[in-house]
């Protein structure tokens, strides 16, 4: 009798653990603007080490272009904003598991990502580039032969360098933007896959040594919600249209990007801006 009870107890505990694990693995429930207003805050996933997009200051404050845009969106909803700094690889999991309500996290709008998250309309433009030594000629993909190239693992630059570099190139993948930039500055790698705003950080780490060499891909960034969150996606798109029209986006661009606000595409192949 004792053995039966013990076995039954273990079976029940095992079933409970399995149910809990299954429950945790399920996609987060939909979040609406009304639910965000009810709890009084918008929880935003953002990058913590990638200026000018998102970074934490020495005073511990989240700052950058994405932080300013997210703060404006929270203000539009009439709530406070709470930032959750994320690495490149855990941005989408943080959203899909419900750790954050929305991503303003340098999210390049790519078809593969659009299968996992819902993008808004684009609110910023970018380009993926190769950064290399000023004294080395790198004008074509073939010129990357035999180079050791650093990238942030899982980022758009990882995809583009992997796609375009010759087989003889060595690609070293780092956990985030800051480690990949440090690898270039310290000589661990000879070149770096990044975006057009990396060079300012590289220049501060290793003045006068590097420059943008190749451009692989033009990109646009959007805010991300979970698939099927129609109301929140619609609210984001209305907000993005508003800040484009009233000059608020230009103010943020002038502050962080120092370039004019670009023309944004009305559509991108394989990337819906609205919930179907």
C-alpha atoms as a PDB file:
ATOM      1  CA  UNK A   1       0.000   0.000   0.000  1.00  0.00           C
ATOM      2  CA  UNK A   2       2.827   2.389   0.934  1.00  0.00           C
ATOM      3  CA  UNK A   3       4.612   1.760  -2.381  1.00  0.00           C
ATOM      4  CA  UNK A   4       1.384   2.370  -4.304  1.00  0.00           C
ATOM      5  CA  UNK A   5       0.775   5.702  -2.537  1.00  0.00           C
ATOM      6  CA  UNK A   6       4.348   6.836  -3.058  1.00  0.00           C
ATOM      7  CA  UNK A   7       4.254   5.883  -6.738  1.00  0.00           C
ATOM      8  CA  UNK A   8       0.929   7.615  -7.193  1.00  0.00           C
ATOM      9  CA  UNK A   9       2.240  10.737  -5.428  1.00  0.00           C
ATOM     10  CA  UNK A  10       5.305  10.845  -7.674  1.00  0.00           C
ATOM     11  CA  UNK A  11       3.111  10.381 -10.720  1.00  0.00           C
ATOM     12  CA  UNK A  12       0.873  13.263  -9.661  1.00  0.00           C
ATOM     13  CA  UNK A  13       3.868  15.495  -8.952  1.00  0.00           C
ATOM     14  CA  UNK A  14       5.360  14.580 -12.315  1.00  0.00           C
ATOM     15  CA  UNK A  15       2.105  15.374 -14.081  1.00  0.00           C
ATOM     16  CA  UNK A  16       1.872  18.709 -12.260  1.00  0.00           C
ATOM     17  CA  UNK A  17       5.426  19.601 -13.263  1.00  0.00           C
ATOM     18  CA  UNK A  18       4.706  18.639 -16.852  1.00  0.00           C
ATOM     19  CA  UNK A  19       1.557  20.779 -16.902  1.00  0.00           C
ATOM     20  CA  UNK A  20       3.472  23.725 -15.426  1.00  0.00           C
ATOM     21  CA  UNK A  21       6.238  23.389 -18.003  1.00  0.00           C
ATOM     22  CA  UNK A  22       3.679  23.115 -20.794  1.00  0.00           C
ATOM     23  CA  UNK A  23       1.875  26.188 -19.510  1.00  0.00           C
ATOM     24  CA  UNK A  24       5.104  28.207 -19.369  1.00  0.00           C
ATOM     25  CA  UNK A  25       5.928  27.205 -22.938  1.00  0.00           C
ATOM     26  CA  UNK A  26       2.662  28.556 -24.297  1.00  0.00           C
ATOM     27  CA  UNK A  27       2.597  31.927 -26.087  1.00  0.00           C
ATOM     28  CA  UNK A  28       1.633  34.854 -23.871  1.00  0.00           C
ATOM     29  CA  UNK A  29      -1.964  35.995 -23.877  1.00  0.00           C
ATOM     30  CA  UNK A  30      -2.825  38.957 -26.065  1.00  0.00           C
ATOM     31  CA  UNK A  31      -2.197  42.416 -24.643  1.00  0.00           C
ATOM     32  CA  UNK A  32      -4.442  45.313 -25.646  1.00  0.00           C
ATOM     33  CA  UNK A  33      -4.050  49.072 -25.131  1.00  0.00           C
ATOM     34  CA  UNK A  34      -6.907  48.865 -22.614  1.00  0.00           C
ATOM     35  CA  UNK A  35      -5.031  46.243 -20.578  1.00  0.00           C
ATOM     36  CA  UNK A  36      -1.857  48.339 -20.631  1.00  0.00           C
ATOM     37  CA  UNK A  37      -3.811  51.380 -19.464  1.00  0.00           C
ATOM     38  CA  UNK A  38      -5.414  49.325 -16.694  1.00  0.00           C
ATOM     39  CA  UNK A  39      -2.043  48.267 -15.261  1.00  0.00           C
ATOM     40  CA  UNK A  40      -0.692  51.798 -15.672  1.00  0.00           C
ATOM     41  CA  UNK A  41       2.566  51.031 -17.460  1.00  0.00           C
ATOM     42  CA  UNK A  42       3.999  49.893 -20.779  1.00  0.00           C
ATOM     43  CA  UNK A  43       6.781  47.310 -20.431  1.00  0.00           C
ATOM     44  CA  UNK A  44       9.239  47.822 -23.289  1.00  0.00           C
ATOM     45  CA  UNK A  45      11.971  45.469 -24.445  1.00  0.00           C
ATOM     46  CA  UNK A  46      14.947  47.501 -25.631  1.00  0.00           C
ATOM     47  CA  UNK A  47      18.650  47.029 -26.241  1.00  0.00           C
ATOM     48  CA  UNK A  48      20.852  47.932 -23.319  1.00  0.00           C
ATOM     49  CA  UNK A  49      24.239  48.316 -25.029  1.00  0.00           C
ATOM     50  CA  UNK A  50      23.671  49.641 -28.539  1.00  0.00           C
ATOM     51  CA  UNK A  51      23.859  53.446 -28.808  1.00  0.00           C
ATOM     52  CA  UNK A  52      22.348  55.475 -30.352  1.00  0.00           C
ATOM     53  CA  UNK A  53      19.418  53.027 -30.422  1.00  0.00           C
ATOM     54  CA  UNK A  54      19.219  51.844 -26.839  1.00  0.00           C
ATOM     55  CA  UNK A  55      21.735  51.977 -24.006  1.00  0.00           C
ATOM     56  CA  UNK A  56      21.960  52.409 -20.252  1.00  0.00           C
ATOM     57  CA  UNK A  57      23.746  55.552 -19.048  1.00  0.00           C
ATOM     58  CA  UNK A  58      26.305  55.646 -16.242  1.00  0.00           C
ATOM     59  CA  UNK A  59      23.484  56.889 -14.037  1.00  0.00           C
ATOM     60  CA  UNK A  60      21.472  53.750 -14.803  1.00  0.00           C
ATOM     61  CA  UNK A  61      18.938  55.457 -17.060  1.00  0.00           C
ATOM     62  CA  UNK A  62      17.733  53.844 -20.287  1.00  0.00           C
ATOM     63  CA  UNK A  63      18.398  56.229 -23.166  1.00  0.00           C
ATOM     64  CA  UNK A  64      18.619  56.378 -26.957  1.00  0.00           C
ATOM     65  CA  UNK A  65      16.383  56.737 -29.995  1.00  0.00           C
ATOM     66  CA  UNK A  66      14.260  53.687 -29.177  1.00  0.00           C
ATOM     67  CA  UNK A  67      13.869  54.856 -25.580  1.00  0.00           C
ATOM     68  CA  UNK A  68      12.603  58.247 -26.733  1.00  0.00           C
ATOM     69  CA  UNK A  69      10.142  56.700 -29.208  1.00  0.00           C
ATOM     70  CA  UNK A  70       8.869  54.216 -26.616  1.00  0.00           C
ATOM     71  CA  UNK A  71       8.444  57.000 -24.058  1.00  0.00           C
ATOM     72  CA  UNK A  72       6.363  58.963 -26.567  1.00  0.00           C
ATOM     73  CA  UNK A  73       4.182  55.898 -27.195  1.00  0.00           C
ATOM     74  CA  UNK A  74       3.647  55.367 -23.455  1.00  0.00           C
ATOM     75  CA  UNK A  75       2.688  59.031 -23.162  1.00  0.00           C
ATOM     76  CA  UNK A  76       0.212  58.539 -26.017  1.00  0.00           C
ATOM     77  CA  UNK A  77      -1.371  55.700 -24.015  1.00  0.00           C
ATOM     78  CA  UNK A  78      -1.315  57.782 -20.838  1.00  0.00           C
ATOM     79  CA  UNK A  79       0.899  55.386 -18.863  1.00  0.00           C
ATOM     80  CA  UNK A  80       4.391  55.142 -17.436  1.00  0.00           C
ATOM     81  CA  UNK A  81       7.125  53.307 -19.325  1.00  0.00           C
ATOM     82  CA  UNK A  82       9.260  50.518 -17.867  1.00  0.00           C
ATOM     83  CA  UNK A  83      12.312  49.372 -19.833  1.00  0.00           C
ATOM     84  CA  UNK A  84      13.745  45.855 -19.889  1.00  0.00           C
ATOM     85  CA  UNK A  85      17.253  45.917 -21.465  1.00  0.00           C
ATOM     86  CA  UNK A  86      17.771  42.922 -23.750  1.00  0.00           C
ATOM     87  CA  UNK A  87      20.546  41.299 -25.758  1.00  0.00           C
ATOM     88  CA  UNK A  88      20.093  40.622 -29.481  1.00  0.00           C
ATOM     89  CA  UNK A  89      19.305  36.938 -29.006  1.00  0.00           C
ATOM     90  CA  UNK A  90      16.648  37.295 -26.321  1.00  0.00           C
ATOM     91  CA  UNK A  91      14.567  40.092 -27.811  1.00  0.00           C
ATOM     92  CA  UNK A  92      11.936  37.900 -29.504  1.00  0.00           C
ATOM     93  CA  UNK A  93      11.740  35.340 -26.645  1.00  0.00           C
ATOM     94  CA  UNK A  94      11.199  38.179 -24.146  1.00  0.00           C
ATOM     95  CA  UNK A  95       8.214  39.313 -26.204  1.00  0.00           C
ATOM     96  CA  UNK A  96       6.653  35.971 -27.043  1.00  0.00           C
ATOM     97  CA  UNK A  97       6.853  34.721 -23.439  1.00  0.00           C
ATOM     98  CA  UNK A  98       5.186  37.862 -22.093  1.00  0.00           C
ATOM     99  CA  UNK A  99       8.177  39.338 -20.294  1.00  0.00           C
ATOM    100  CA  UNK A 100       7.591  42.596 -22.204  1.00  0.00           C
ATOM    101  CA  UNK A 101       4.549  44.144 -23.891  1.00  0.00           C
ATOM    102  CA  UNK A 102       6.316  45.490 -26.968  1.00  0.00           C
ATOM    103  CA  UNK A 103       9.778  45.701 -28.540  1.00  0.00           C
ATOM    104  CA  UNK A 104      11.416  48.982 -29.464  1.00  0.00           C
ATOM    105  CA  UNK A 105      14.745  47.185 -29.781  1.00  0.00           C
ATOM    106  CA  UNK A 106      16.507  47.948 -33.069  1.00  0.00           C
ATOM    107  CA  UNK A 107      14.312  45.292 -34.677  1.00  0.00           C
ATOM    108  CA  UNK A 108      15.253  45.129 -38.350  1.00  0.00           C
ATOM    109  CA  UNK A 109      12.202  44.181 -40.394  1.00  0.00           C
ATOM    110  CA  UNK A 110      13.053  40.787 -41.901  1.00  0.00           C
ATOM    111  CA  UNK A 111      10.671  38.163 -43.376  1.00  0.00           C
ATOM    112  CA  UNK A 112      11.899  35.382 -41.080  1.00  0.00           C
ATOM    113  CA  UNK A 113      11.259  37.530 -38.015  1.00  0.00           C
ATOM    114  CA  UNK A 114       7.797  38.422 -39.325  1.00  0.00           C
ATOM    115  CA  UNK A 115       6.876  34.755 -38.863  1.00  0.00           C
ATOM    116  CA  UNK A 116       7.498  35.080 -35.120  1.00  0.00           C
ATOM    117  CA  UNK A 117       6.395  38.639 -34.309  1.00  0.00           C
ATOM    118  CA  UNK A 118       4.063  41.295 -35.658  1.00  0.00           C
ATOM    119  CA  UNK A 119       5.885  44.356 -37.011  1.00  0.00           C
ATOM    120  CA  UNK A 120       4.461  47.863 -37.016  1.00  0.00           C
ATOM    121  CA  UNK A 121       5.047  50.349 -39.791  1.00  0.00           C
ATOM    122  CA  UNK A 122       8.743  51.313 -39.979  1.00  0.00           C
ATOM    123  CA  UNK A 123       9.878  54.296 -37.915  1.00  0.00           C
ATOM    124  CA  UNK A 124      13.635  54.355 -38.616  1.00  0.00           C
ATOM    125  CA  UNK A 125      16.015  53.360 -41.420  1.00  0.00           C
ATOM    126  CA  UNK A 126      19.354  51.609 -41.173  1.00  0.00           C
ATOM    127  CA  UNK A 127      21.911  49.719 -43.262  1.00  0.00           C
ATOM    128  CA  UNK A 128      24.084  46.690 -42.560  1.00  0.00           C
ATOM    129  CA  UNK A 129      27.747  47.330 -43.338  1.00  0.00           C
ATOM    130  CA  UNK A 130      31.248  45.944 -42.991  1.00  0.00           C
ATOM    131  CA  UNK A 131      33.695  48.055 -40.986  1.00  0.00           C
ATOM    132  CA  UNK A 132      37.378  47.524 -41.684  1.00  0.00           C
ATOM    133  CA  UNK A 133      40.831  49.114 -41.399  1.00  0.00           C
ATOM    134  CA  UNK A 134      41.360  52.361 -43.279  1.00  0.00           C
ATOM    135  CA  UNK A 135      44.654  51.073 -44.664  1.00  0.00           C
ATOM    136  CA  UNK A 136      43.136  47.922 -46.191  1.00  0.00           C
ATOM    137  CA  UNK A 137      41.260  47.891 -49.508  1.00  0.00           C
ATOM    138  CA  UNK A 138      37.883  46.150 -49.132  1.00  0.00           C
ATOM    139  CA  UNK A 139      35.680  47.084 -52.066  1.00  0.00           C
ATOM    140  CA  UNK A 140      34.004  43.786 -52.954  1.00  0.00           C
ATOM    141  CA  UNK A 141      32.827  40.673 -51.160  1.00  0.00           C
ATOM    142  CA  UNK A 142      35.872  38.846 -52.505  1.00  0.00           C
ATOM    143  CA  UNK A 143      38.107  41.285 -50.619  1.00  0.00           C
ATOM    144  CA  UNK A 144      36.843  39.721 -47.362  1.00  0.00           C
ATOM    145  CA  UNK A 145      38.767  36.522 -48.210  1.00  0.00           C
ATOM    146  CA  UNK A 146      40.876  35.263 -45.295  1.00  0.00           C
ATOM    147  CA  UNK A 147      39.644  38.018 -42.964  1.00  0.00           C
ATOM    148  CA  UNK A 148      38.517  37.324 -39.406  1.00  0.00           C
ATOM    149  CA  UNK A 149      35.209  39.138 -39.035  1.00  0.00           C
ATOM    150  CA  UNK A 150      33.259  39.761 -35.835  1.00  0.00           C
ATOM    151  CA  UNK A 151      29.456  39.974 -35.619  1.00  0.00           C
ATOM    152  CA  UNK A 152      26.773  40.086 -32.941  1.00  0.00           C
ATOM    153  CA  UNK A 153      25.336  36.575 -32.907  1.00  0.00           C
ATOM    154  CA  UNK A 154      21.866  36.309 -34.428  1.00  0.00           C
ATOM    155  CA  UNK A 155      21.749  39.924 -35.609  1.00  0.00           C
ATOM    156  CA  UNK A 156      21.110  41.073 -39.178  1.00  0.00           C
ATOM    157  CA  UNK A 157      24.861  41.615 -39.647  1.00  0.00           C
ATOM    158  CA  UNK A 158      25.492  37.974 -38.716  1.00  0.00           C
ATOM    159  CA  UNK A 159      23.144  36.925 -41.525  1.00  0.00           C
ATOM    160  CA  UNK A 160      24.659  39.306 -44.077  1.00  0.00           C
ATOM    161  CA  UNK A 161      28.315  38.581 -43.324  1.00  0.00           C
ATOM    162  CA  UNK A 162      27.620  34.842 -43.361  1.00  0.00           C
ATOM    163  CA  UNK A 163      25.835  35.235 -46.703  1.00  0.00           C
ATOM    164  CA  UNK A 164      28.406  37.466 -48.407  1.00  0.00           C
ATOM    165  CA  UNK A 165      31.822  36.539 -47.026  1.00  0.00           C
ATOM    166  CA  UNK A 166      33.965  34.017 -48.957  1.00  0.00           C
ATOM    167  CA  UNK A 167      34.415  30.564 -47.445  1.00  0.00           C
ATOM    168  CA  UNK A 168      37.989  31.417 -46.474  1.00  0.00           C
ATOM    169  CA  UNK A 169      36.807  34.151 -44.093  1.00  0.00           C
ATOM    170  CA  UNK A 170      36.510  33.321 -40.388  1.00  0.00           C
ATOM    171  CA  UNK A 171      33.357  34.612 -38.674  1.00  0.00           C
ATOM    172  CA  UNK A 172      33.454  35.040 -34.913  1.00  0.00           C
ATOM    173  CA  UNK A 173      30.091  35.510 -33.206  1.00  0.00           C
ATOM    174  CA  UNK A 174      29.728  37.495 -29.986  1.00  0.00           C
ATOM    175  CA  UNK A 175      26.898  37.857 -27.502  1.00  0.00           C
ATOM    176  CA  UNK A 176      25.839  41.386 -28.391  1.00  0.00           C
ATOM    177  CA  UNK A 177      27.006  44.575 -30.054  1.00  0.00           C
ATOM    178  CA  UNK A 178      29.424  45.815 -27.387  1.00  0.00           C
ATOM    179  CA  UNK A 179      31.537  42.609 -27.276  1.00  0.00           C
ATOM    180  CA  UNK A 180      31.795  42.533 -31.076  1.00  0.00           C
ATOM    181  CA  UNK A 181      32.952  46.163 -31.186  1.00  0.00           C
ATOM    182  CA  UNK A 182      35.468  45.513 -28.424  1.00  0.00           C
ATOM    183  CA  UNK A 183      36.772  42.517 -30.383  1.00  0.00           C
ATOM    184  CA  UNK A 184      37.569  44.813 -33.310  1.00  0.00           C
ATOM    185  CA  UNK A 185      39.152  47.506 -31.136  1.00  0.00           C
ATOM    186  CA  UNK A 186      41.330  44.956 -29.305  1.00  0.00           C
ATOM    187  CA  UNK A 187      42.496  43.190 -32.477  1.00  0.00           C
ATOM    188  CA  UNK A 188      40.663  39.906 -31.913  1.00  0.00           C
ATOM    189  CA  UNK A 189      39.062  40.403 -35.344  1.00  0.00           C
ATOM    190  CA  UNK A 190      40.161  42.367 -38.408  1.00  0.00           C
ATOM    191  CA  UNK A 191      36.744  43.587 -39.545  1.00  0.00           C
ATOM    192  CA  UNK A 192      33.260  43.939 -38.112  1.00  0.00           C
ATOM    193  CA  UNK A 193      29.729  43.475 -39.364  1.00  0.00           C
ATOM    194  CA  UNK A 194      27.473  46.187 -37.999  1.00  0.00           C
ATOM    195  CA  UNK A 195      25.090  48.973 -38.930  1.00  0.00           C
ATOM    196  CA  UNK A 196      25.756  52.484 -40.143  1.00  0.00           C
ATOM    197  CA  UNK A 197      25.807  53.832 -36.585  1.00  0.00           C
ATOM    198  CA  UNK A 198      28.467  51.457 -35.287  1.00  0.00           C
ATOM    199  CA  UNK A 199      31.321  53.567 -36.610  1.00  0.00           C
ATOM    200  CA  UNK A 200      30.881  56.278 -33.977  1.00  0.00           C
ATOM    201  CA  UNK A 201      31.360  53.678 -31.234  1.00  0.00           C
ATOM    202  CA  UNK A 202      34.296  52.098 -33.051  1.00  0.00           C
ATOM    203  CA  UNK A 203      35.917  55.507 -33.422  1.00  0.00           C
ATOM    204  CA  UNK A 204      35.667  56.116 -29.690  1.00  0.00           C
ATOM    205  CA  UNK A 205      37.199  52.705 -28.949  1.00  0.00           C
ATOM    206  CA  UNK A 206      39.974  52.927 -31.602  1.00  0.00           C
ATOM    207  CA  UNK A 207      40.295  56.469 -32.978  1.00  0.00           C
ATOM    208  CA  UNK A 208      41.305  56.920 -36.606  1.00  0.00           C
ATOM    209  CA  UNK A 209      41.760  53.252 -37.504  1.00  0.00           C
ATOM    210  CA  UNK A 210      38.519  52.066 -39.108  1.00  0.00           C
ATOM    211  CA  UNK A 211      35.876  53.085 -41.662  1.00  0.00           C
ATOM    212  CA  UNK A 212      32.729  51.714 -43.312  1.00  0.00           C
ATOM    213  CA  UNK A 213      33.785  49.511 -46.246  1.00  0.00           C
ATOM    214  CA  UNK A 214      30.845  47.603 -47.746  1.00  0.00           C
ATOM    215  CA  UNK A 215      27.088  48.028 -47.568  1.00  0.00           C
ATOM    216  CA  UNK A 216      25.235  44.718 -47.581  1.00  0.00           C
ATOM    217  CA  UNK A 217      21.600  45.636 -46.990  1.00  0.00           C
ATOM    218  CA  UNK A 218      19.256  48.568 -46.427  1.00  0.00           C
ATOM    219  CA  UNK A 219      16.916  47.962 -43.522  1.00  0.00           C
ATOM    220  CA  UNK A 220      13.997  49.498 -41.696  1.00  0.00           C
ATOM    221  CA  UNK A 221      13.191  49.027 -38.022  1.00  0.00           C
ATOM    222  CA  UNK A 222       9.707  48.534 -36.616  1.00  0.00           C
ATOM    223  CA  UNK A 223       8.111  48.041 -33.220  1.00  0.00           C
ATOM    224  CA  UNK A 224       7.100  44.453 -32.486  1.00  0.00           C
ATOM    225  CA  UNK A 225       4.102  42.916 -30.777  1.00  0.00           C
ATOM    226  CA  UNK A 226       3.017  39.304 -30.546  1.00  0.00           C
ATOM    227  CA  UNK A 227       1.287  37.711 -33.503  1.00  0.00           C
ATOM    228  CA  UNK A 228      -2.437  38.386 -33.523  1.00  0.00           C
ATOM    229  CA  UNK A 229      -2.371  41.427 -31.230  1.00  0.00           C
ATOM    230  CA  UNK A 230      -4.517  43.492 -33.551  1.00  0.00           C
ATOM    231  CA  UNK A 231      -5.457  46.359 -31.244  1.00  0.00           C
ATOM    232  CA  UNK A 232      -1.937  47.068 -30.003  1.00  0.00           C
ATOM    233  CA  UNK A 233      -0.536  46.843 -33.532  1.00  0.00           C
ATOM    234  CA  UNK A 234      -3.178  49.316 -34.735  1.00  0.00           C
ATOM    235  CA  UNK A 235      -2.372  51.693 -31.870  1.00  0.00           C
ATOM    236  CA  UNK A 236       1.335  51.554 -32.741  1.00  0.00           C
ATOM    237  CA  UNK A 237       0.686  52.294 -36.411  1.00  0.00           C
ATOM    238  CA  UNK A 238      -1.572  55.229 -35.561  1.00  0.00           C
ATOM    239  CA  UNK A 239       1.122  56.547 -33.207  1.00  0.00           C
ATOM    240  CA  UNK A 240       3.897  56.164 -35.811  1.00  0.00           C
ATOM    241  CA  UNK A 241       1.810  57.996 -38.435  1.00  0.00           C
ATOM    242  CA  UNK A 242       1.232  60.768 -35.895  1.00  0.00           C
ATOM    243  CA  UNK A 243       4.895  61.334 -34.952  1.00  0.00           C
ATOM    244  CA  UNK A 244       5.873  61.338 -38.622  1.00  0.00           C
ATOM    245  CA  UNK A 245       3.246  64.011 -39.342  1.00  0.00           C
ATOM    246  CA  UNK A 246       3.659  66.260 -36.288  1.00  0.00           C
ATOM    247  CA  UNK A 247       7.467  66.482 -36.325  1.00  0.00           C
ATOM    248  CA  UNK A 248       8.147  64.447 -33.181  1.00  0.00           C
ATOM    249  CA  UNK A 249      10.012  61.781 -35.147  1.00  0.00           C
ATOM    250  CA  UNK A 250      12.159  64.497 -36.737  1.00  0.00           C
ATOM    251  CA  UNK A 251      13.068  65.811 -33.277  1.00  0.00           C
ATOM    252  CA  UNK A 252      14.208  62.353 -32.203  1.00  0.00           C
ATOM    253  CA  UNK A 253      16.122  61.872 -35.472  1.00  0.00           C
ATOM    254  CA  UNK A 254      17.820  65.259 -35.076  1.00  0.00           C
ATOM    255  CA  UNK A 255      18.838  64.361 -31.536  1.00  0.00           C
ATOM    256  CA  UNK A 256      20.232  60.887 -32.164  1.00  0.00           C
ATOM    257  CA  UNK A 257      20.825  60.263 -35.866  1.00  0.00           C
ATOM    258  CA  UNK A 258      21.940  63.672 -37.133  1.00  0.00           C
ATOM    259  CA  UNK A 259      20.452  62.853 -40.560  1.00  0.00           C
ATOM    260  CA  UNK A 260      17.120  63.740 -42.221  1.00  0.00           C
ATOM    261  CA  UNK A 261      14.119  61.477 -41.667  1.00  0.00           C
ATOM    262  CA  UNK A 262      14.001  59.185 -44.732  1.00  0.00           C
ATOM    263  CA  UNK A 263      11.073  58.286 -46.925  1.00  0.00           C
ATOM    264  CA  UNK A 264       9.565  55.071 -45.609  1.00  0.00           C
ATOM    265  CA  UNK A 265       8.209  52.318 -47.863  1.00  0.00           C
ATOM    266  CA  UNK A 266       4.469  51.694 -47.987  1.00  0.00           C
ATOM    267  CA  UNK A 267       5.151  47.958 -47.905  1.00  0.00           C
ATOM    268  CA  UNK A 268       7.976  45.439 -47.573  1.00  0.00           C
ATOM    269  CA  UNK A 269       7.819  42.030 -49.204  1.00  0.00           C
ATOM    270  CA  UNK A 270       7.023  39.272 -46.749  1.00  0.00           C
ATOM    271  CA  UNK A 271       6.526  41.687 -43.835  1.00  0.00           C
ATOM    272  CA  UNK A 272       2.946  42.779 -43.071  1.00  0.00           C
ATOM    273  CA  UNK A 273       2.635  46.005 -41.092  1.00  0.00           C
ATOM    274  CA  UNK A 274      -0.856  45.110 -39.842  1.00  0.00           C
ATOM    275  CA  UNK A 275      -2.501  42.031 -38.376  1.00  0.00           C
ATOM    276  CA  UNK A 276      -4.323  40.096 -41.092  1.00  0.00           C
END
